[in-house]
Protein backbone atom coordinates (compact mmCIF):
# COMPACT_ATOMS: atom_id res chain seq x y z
CA MET A 1 36.13 -26.74 -31.82
CA LYS A 2 34.62 -23.63 -33.38
CA GLN A 3 33.44 -22.10 -30.10
CA LEU A 4 36.61 -22.12 -28.01
CA HIS A 5 36.51 -18.43 -27.16
CA LEU A 6 32.81 -17.94 -26.44
CA LEU A 7 33.21 -17.93 -22.67
CA TRP A 8 35.93 -15.30 -22.44
CA ILE A 9 34.17 -13.02 -24.91
CA THR A 10 30.93 -13.37 -22.97
CA LEU A 11 32.65 -12.46 -19.72
CA LEU A 12 34.73 -9.67 -21.21
CA PHE A 13 31.81 -7.92 -22.86
CA SER A 14 28.94 -8.83 -20.54
CA CYS A 15 28.66 -5.12 -19.75
CA SER A 16 26.84 -4.83 -23.09
CA ALA A 17 23.94 -6.93 -21.78
CA SER A 18 22.09 -5.45 -18.82
CA THR A 19 18.97 -6.76 -17.10
CA GLN A 20 15.75 -5.48 -18.61
CA PRO A 21 12.64 -4.75 -16.55
CA PRO A 22 9.67 -7.11 -16.96
CA GLN A 23 7.60 -6.39 -20.05
CA THR A 24 3.83 -5.90 -19.97
CA ALA A 25 1.19 -6.13 -22.65
CA GLN A 26 0.31 -2.50 -21.97
CA THR A 27 3.73 -1.03 -22.64
CA GLY A 28 5.09 -3.60 -25.10
CA TRP A 29 8.75 -4.32 -25.57
CA GLN A 30 11.16 -1.50 -24.88
CA PRO A 31 14.67 -2.19 -26.22
CA ASP A 32 17.41 -1.42 -23.74
CA PRO A 33 19.49 1.45 -25.22
CA LYS A 34 22.53 0.49 -23.14
CA GLU A 35 22.48 -3.03 -24.55
CA LEU A 36 22.12 -1.73 -28.08
CA GLU A 37 24.94 0.74 -27.60
CA GLY A 38 27.21 -1.82 -25.94
CA SER A 39 26.99 -4.36 -28.76
CA LEU A 40 27.25 -1.70 -31.45
CA TYR A 41 30.27 -0.03 -29.87
CA PHE A 42 32.15 -3.29 -29.65
CA LEU A 43 31.37 -4.41 -33.19
CA ALA A 44 32.39 -1.03 -34.64
CA SER A 45 35.54 -0.76 -32.52
CA PRO A 46 39.03 -0.55 -34.08
CA LEU A 47 39.81 -3.97 -32.60
CA LEU A 48 37.65 -5.59 -35.26
CA GLU A 49 39.36 -3.75 -38.14
CA GLY A 50 36.17 -3.26 -40.15
CA ARG A 51 35.02 -6.92 -40.05
CA GLU A 52 35.77 -7.84 -43.66
CA ALA A 53 34.51 -11.37 -44.38
CA GLY A 54 37.25 -13.89 -43.61
CA SER A 55 39.44 -11.45 -41.69
CA ARG A 56 40.63 -11.76 -38.10
CA GLY A 57 38.23 -9.01 -37.09
CA SER A 58 35.25 -10.81 -38.63
CA LEU A 59 36.11 -14.00 -36.75
CA ILE A 60 36.24 -12.05 -33.48
CA ALA A 61 32.87 -10.55 -34.35
CA ALA A 62 31.42 -14.00 -35.05
CA GLU A 63 32.66 -15.30 -31.69
CA TYR A 64 31.17 -12.28 -29.93
CA ILE A 65 27.79 -12.66 -31.62
CA ALA A 66 27.66 -16.36 -30.77
CA SER A 67 28.60 -15.61 -27.17
CA VAL A 68 25.71 -13.16 -26.81
CA MET A 69 23.30 -15.63 -28.41
CA LEU A 70 24.46 -18.21 -25.89
CA GLN A 71 24.02 -15.73 -23.06
CA ASN A 72 20.54 -14.89 -24.36
CA GLY A 73 19.55 -18.56 -24.10
CA LEU A 74 19.42 -19.47 -27.80
CA LEU A 75 20.25 -22.92 -29.15
CA PRO A 76 23.07 -23.34 -31.68
CA ALA A 77 21.80 -23.87 -35.22
CA GLY A 78 24.98 -23.96 -37.24
CA ASP A 79 26.21 -26.53 -39.72
CA THR A 80 23.39 -28.98 -38.96
CA LEU A 81 20.06 -27.99 -37.50
CA ALA A 82 19.16 -31.41 -36.16
CA GLY A 83 21.06 -31.69 -32.89
CA ALA A 84 23.36 -28.83 -33.84
CA THR A 85 26.19 -28.17 -31.40
CA GLU A 86 27.88 -25.40 -33.36
CA TRP A 87 26.92 -21.76 -33.76
CA PHE A 88 28.71 -21.40 -37.08
CA GLN A 89 27.96 -22.31 -40.67
CA ASP A 90 31.31 -22.17 -42.45
CA PHE A 91 32.08 -22.06 -46.14
CA GLU A 92 34.96 -21.01 -48.34
CA LEU A 93 35.38 -18.00 -50.59
CA THR A 94 38.23 -16.38 -52.47
CA ARG A 95 39.54 -13.09 -51.13
CA GLY A 96 42.19 -11.58 -53.37
CA GLU A 97 44.55 -14.43 -54.20
CA GLU A 98 43.72 -16.59 -51.19
CA LYS A 99 40.89 -18.83 -50.12
CA VAL A 100 39.45 -18.01 -46.72
CA ILE A 101 36.87 -19.55 -44.42
CA VAL A 102 33.89 -17.34 -43.68
CA ARG A 103 31.04 -18.06 -41.30
CA ASN A 104 27.41 -17.34 -40.65
CA VAL A 105 26.36 -17.28 -37.00
CA LEU A 106 23.07 -19.08 -36.33
CA GLY A 107 21.05 -19.34 -33.14
CA MET A 108 17.53 -20.68 -32.69
CA ILE A 109 14.52 -20.56 -30.41
CA ARG A 110 12.55 -23.77 -30.82
CA GLY A 111 8.84 -23.34 -31.57
CA SER A 112 5.76 -25.43 -30.95
CA ASP A 113 5.78 -26.41 -34.64
CA THR A 114 9.34 -27.57 -35.22
CA THR A 115 8.82 -28.12 -38.95
CA LYS A 116 8.48 -24.42 -39.88
CA TYR A 117 10.92 -21.52 -39.59
CA VAL A 118 11.06 -17.75 -39.54
CA VAL A 119 14.53 -16.27 -40.11
CA ILE A 120 15.45 -12.93 -38.57
CA GLY A 121 18.74 -11.95 -40.18
CA THR A 122 21.33 -9.20 -40.51
CA HIS A 123 24.83 -9.06 -41.92
CA TYR A 124 27.78 -8.46 -39.61
CA ASP A 125 30.56 -8.08 -42.17
CA HIS A 126 31.77 -4.75 -43.54
CA LEU A 127 34.59 -3.47 -45.76
CA GLY A 128 37.56 -4.07 -43.48
CA MET A 129 40.64 -1.92 -44.07
CA ARG A 130 42.04 0.01 -47.01
CA GLY A 131 45.73 0.33 -46.31
CA GLU A 132 45.92 1.54 -42.72
CA THR A 133 42.43 3.02 -42.73
CA ILE A 134 39.65 1.18 -40.91
CA TYR A 135 36.10 1.25 -42.23
CA PRO A 136 34.25 0.67 -38.95
CA GLY A 137 30.75 0.08 -40.36
CA ALA A 138 28.80 1.27 -37.33
CA GLU A 139 25.55 1.91 -39.20
CA ASP A 140 26.45 -0.66 -41.87
CA ASN A 141 25.81 -2.94 -40.16
CA ALA A 142 26.72 -3.05 -36.49
CA SER A 143 23.35 -1.35 -35.97
CA GLY A 144 21.51 -4.32 -37.45
CA VAL A 145 23.49 -6.85 -35.42
CA SER A 146 22.90 -5.09 -32.12
CA GLY A 147 19.19 -4.99 -32.98
CA LEU A 148 19.20 -8.71 -33.83
CA LEU A 149 20.79 -9.58 -30.50
CA ALA A 150 18.28 -7.47 -28.59
CA LEU A 151 15.38 -9.15 -30.39
CA SER A 152 16.80 -12.60 -29.69
CA LYS A 153 17.01 -11.86 -25.98
CA HIS A 154 13.47 -10.53 -25.89
CA TRP A 155 11.95 -13.51 -27.71
CA ASN A 156 13.71 -16.03 -25.49
CA SER A 157 12.52 -14.26 -22.34
CA ARG A 158 8.82 -14.28 -23.23
CA GLY A 159 8.14 -17.43 -21.24
CA LYS A 160 6.31 -19.30 -24.01
CA LEU A 161 7.21 -21.09 -27.20
CA PRO A 162 6.76 -19.19 -30.46
CA PRO A 163 4.41 -20.89 -32.94
CA CYS A 164 7.37 -22.02 -35.09
CA ASN A 165 11.15 -22.11 -34.90
CA LEU A 166 12.87 -18.72 -34.93
CA ILE A 167 16.37 -18.58 -36.40
CA PHE A 168 18.44 -15.51 -35.55
CA ALA A 169 21.12 -15.25 -38.21
CA ALA A 170 24.17 -13.01 -38.51
CA TRP A 171 25.29 -13.28 -42.12
CA THR A 172 28.81 -13.03 -43.46
CA ALA A 173 29.92 -11.66 -46.85
CA GLU A 174 26.91 -9.46 -47.60
CA GLU A 175 29.32 -6.85 -48.91
CA LYS A 176 30.59 -9.42 -51.43
CA GLY A 177 27.17 -10.15 -52.91
CA GLN A 178 24.98 -11.50 -50.06
CA LEU A 179 27.02 -14.71 -50.10
CA GLY A 180 26.29 -15.79 -46.53
CA SER A 181 22.51 -15.56 -46.69
CA LYS A 182 22.41 -17.12 -50.15
CA TYR A 183 24.57 -20.00 -48.91
CA PHE A 184 22.19 -20.52 -45.99
CA VAL A 185 19.07 -20.68 -48.15
CA SER A 186 20.62 -22.99 -50.75
CA HIS A 187 21.98 -25.35 -48.05
CA PHE A 188 18.98 -25.29 -45.71
CA ALA A 189 18.47 -28.97 -44.94
CA PRO A 190 14.73 -28.89 -44.10
CA GLY A 191 14.10 -27.22 -47.47
CA ALA A 192 13.25 -23.66 -48.52
CA GLU A 193 9.54 -24.54 -48.47
CA THR A 194 9.71 -24.66 -44.64
CA LEU A 195 10.82 -21.00 -44.47
CA LEU A 196 7.78 -18.84 -43.78
CA LEU A 197 9.38 -15.40 -43.60
CA ASN A 198 12.67 -13.53 -43.63
CA ILE A 199 13.05 -10.35 -41.63
CA ASN A 200 16.15 -8.42 -42.69
CA LEU A 201 17.80 -5.60 -40.72
CA ASP A 202 20.28 -3.55 -42.74
CA MET A 203 21.29 -0.09 -41.46
CA ILE A 204 18.49 0.69 -39.01
CA SER A 205 19.39 3.94 -37.25
CA ARG A 206 20.74 6.78 -39.38
CA SER A 207 18.69 8.90 -41.78
CA ASP A 208 19.08 10.44 -45.20
CA PRO A 209 20.29 14.06 -44.84
CA GLN A 210 17.02 15.23 -46.40
CA ASP A 211 15.05 13.45 -43.68
CA THR A 212 15.41 16.29 -41.19
CA ALA A 213 12.82 14.78 -38.86
CA CYS A 214 14.84 11.51 -38.79
CA ASN A 215 11.62 9.56 -39.11
CA ILE A 216 11.56 7.91 -42.55
CA LEU A 217 11.88 4.12 -42.71
CA SER A 218 12.17 2.10 -45.91
CA VAL A 219 10.48 -1.32 -45.75
CA GLY A 220 10.72 -3.81 -48.60
CA ILE A 221 8.23 -6.65 -49.07
CA LEU A 222 7.69 -9.37 -51.63
CA LYS A 223 5.85 -8.25 -54.74
CA ASP A 224 2.03 -8.41 -54.39
CA ASP A 225 2.28 -9.58 -50.75
CA THR A 226 -0.67 -7.73 -49.24
CA ARG A 227 -0.41 -9.53 -45.90
CA THR A 228 3.04 -8.23 -44.99
CA ARG A 229 2.11 -4.75 -46.21
CA GLU A 230 -0.90 -4.74 -43.91
CA ILE A 231 1.19 -6.03 -41.00
CA VAL A 232 3.78 -3.27 -41.38
CA ASN A 233 1.19 -0.51 -41.69
CA ARG A 234 -0.88 -1.82 -38.78
CA ASN A 235 2.02 -2.03 -36.35
CA ASN A 236 3.38 1.37 -37.32
CA THR A 237 0.25 3.01 -35.90
CA ALA A 238 1.50 2.54 -32.34
CA PRO A 239 1.97 6.04 -30.87
CA ASP A 240 5.54 5.30 -29.77
CA ILE A 241 6.51 4.25 -33.33
CA ASN A 242 4.61 6.19 -36.01
CA LEU A 243 7.43 6.26 -38.54
CA ALA A 244 7.05 7.74 -42.03
CA LEU A 245 7.01 4.51 -44.03
CA ASP A 246 8.31 4.09 -47.55
CA ILE A 247 7.04 0.62 -48.48
CA TRP A 248 8.33 -0.86 -51.72
CA GLU A 249 8.15 -4.26 -53.42
CA THR A 250 10.82 -6.66 -54.62
CA ASP A 251 10.69 -9.63 -56.96
CA GLY A 252 14.01 -10.92 -55.65
CA ASN A 253 16.39 -8.32 -57.00
CA GLY A 254 18.36 -6.03 -54.72
CA GLU A 255 21.51 -5.53 -52.71
CA SER A 256 20.81 -6.90 -49.25
CA ASP A 257 20.30 -10.27 -47.61
CA TYR A 258 16.58 -10.55 -48.31
CA VAL A 259 17.46 -11.33 -51.94
CA GLY A 260 18.21 -15.03 -51.41
CA PHE A 261 14.80 -15.47 -49.79
CA ALA A 262 12.66 -13.25 -52.02
CA SER A 263 14.11 -14.77 -55.20
CA ARG A 264 12.61 -18.10 -54.06
CA GLY A 265 9.21 -16.57 -53.35
CA ILE A 266 9.66 -16.52 -49.56
CA PRO A 267 7.94 -13.51 -47.94
CA VAL A 268 10.31 -10.84 -46.67
CA MET A 269 10.27 -7.68 -44.62
CA THR A 270 13.51 -5.74 -45.00
CA PHE A 271 14.08 -2.65 -42.87
CA TYR A 272 16.41 0.21 -43.85
CA ALA A 273 16.63 3.60 -42.11
CA GLY A 274 18.05 5.58 -45.02
CA ALA A 275 21.10 6.51 -47.09
CA ASN A 276 23.49 8.56 -45.00
CA SER A 277 26.43 10.62 -46.21
CA ASP A 278 28.99 8.36 -44.48
CA TYR A 279 27.92 5.18 -46.27
CA HIS A 280 30.94 2.99 -47.10
CA THR A 281 33.42 5.56 -45.75
CA PRO A 282 35.71 5.55 -42.70
CA GLN A 283 33.33 8.14 -41.21
CA ASP A 284 30.61 5.54 -40.53
CA THR A 285 31.44 5.65 -36.84
CA ARG A 286 29.61 4.62 -33.70
CA ASP A 287 29.24 8.14 -32.29
CA LYS A 288 26.77 9.01 -35.08
CA ILE A 289 24.21 6.30 -34.33
CA ASP A 290 20.64 7.51 -33.73
CA LEU A 291 19.46 5.30 -30.86
CA THR A 292 16.05 6.95 -30.70
CA LYS A 293 15.20 6.02 -34.28
CA MET A 294 16.82 2.62 -33.90
CA MET A 295 14.57 1.79 -30.95
CA LYS A 296 11.47 2.79 -32.92
CA VAL A 297 12.55 0.57 -35.80
CA LEU A 298 13.11 -2.38 -33.49
CA LYS A 299 9.73 -1.94 -31.82
CA LEU A 300 8.14 -1.98 -35.27
CA VAL A 301 10.09 -5.09 -36.27
CA ASN A 302 9.06 -6.83 -33.07
CA GLY A 303 5.40 -5.92 -33.56
CA CYS A 304 5.49 -7.16 -37.15
CA LEU A 305 7.01 -10.48 -36.07
CA GLU A 306 4.38 -10.94 -33.36
CA ASP A 307 1.61 -10.07 -35.82
CA PHE A 308 2.91 -12.45 -38.52
CA LEU A 309 3.07 -15.34 -36.05
CA GLU A 310 -0.47 -14.88 -34.74
């Protein structure tokens, strides 16, 4: 079976998931910084050797992500959505001179309308190793994965069904051309027309060196989509968010996992904190993560998702 090691990983790293206080409508959702830090630190640890798609480290990461989804109460939504018992969607790619199996990790919260889907996604792969040097990929993109896991826990603890199915997806092989997310969209059994929205988290904590206030957030939306633009702007007005937004439009071109959705005309919101000087270097380490900004981004993402579903 594909989930043999979920239990031991859950037990071993359960310290990364602490109990959150009850949420209220007045305060809104407050991400737990210890949970965020715990997941991020594990995913960017040397044990995972940079998480290159198809590597041993990436398979450990996939098992860990699935174990946290299980712990958060999600349903598996892997190779088949109808009655799925697996967390993984596997496919084959060529790495160097060998063919390797790579895997998306898919969990779901069932909605009141089971015929429609919103996909909240983020890639978990990175560059792996170059010789003996590990490229840990803390910002790119352990930050997005830890945010995804926090959101999945929050949405399953709300005590009511969302209006439609929510798929929480950790994509493989983004660094090789968004292969995991594109595979998902092209093999989505219910059909792409049932996908209402893709939210994409890709590098959500660190800032461009010129952003000295560490407050700029880049948000991409589908071209001419006034609804998502309004949703992002409206939810950013919350006093505990109030980020400096750089909203741009895409017609389906780009270099992150929203591409496979936007190219089919599916609305997207893709969140990106900024280009940092350690991008794609061994210096992209977990000690440099900006948890304060990351929590603001996640609160905005959560507000946008709530708003879209209303």
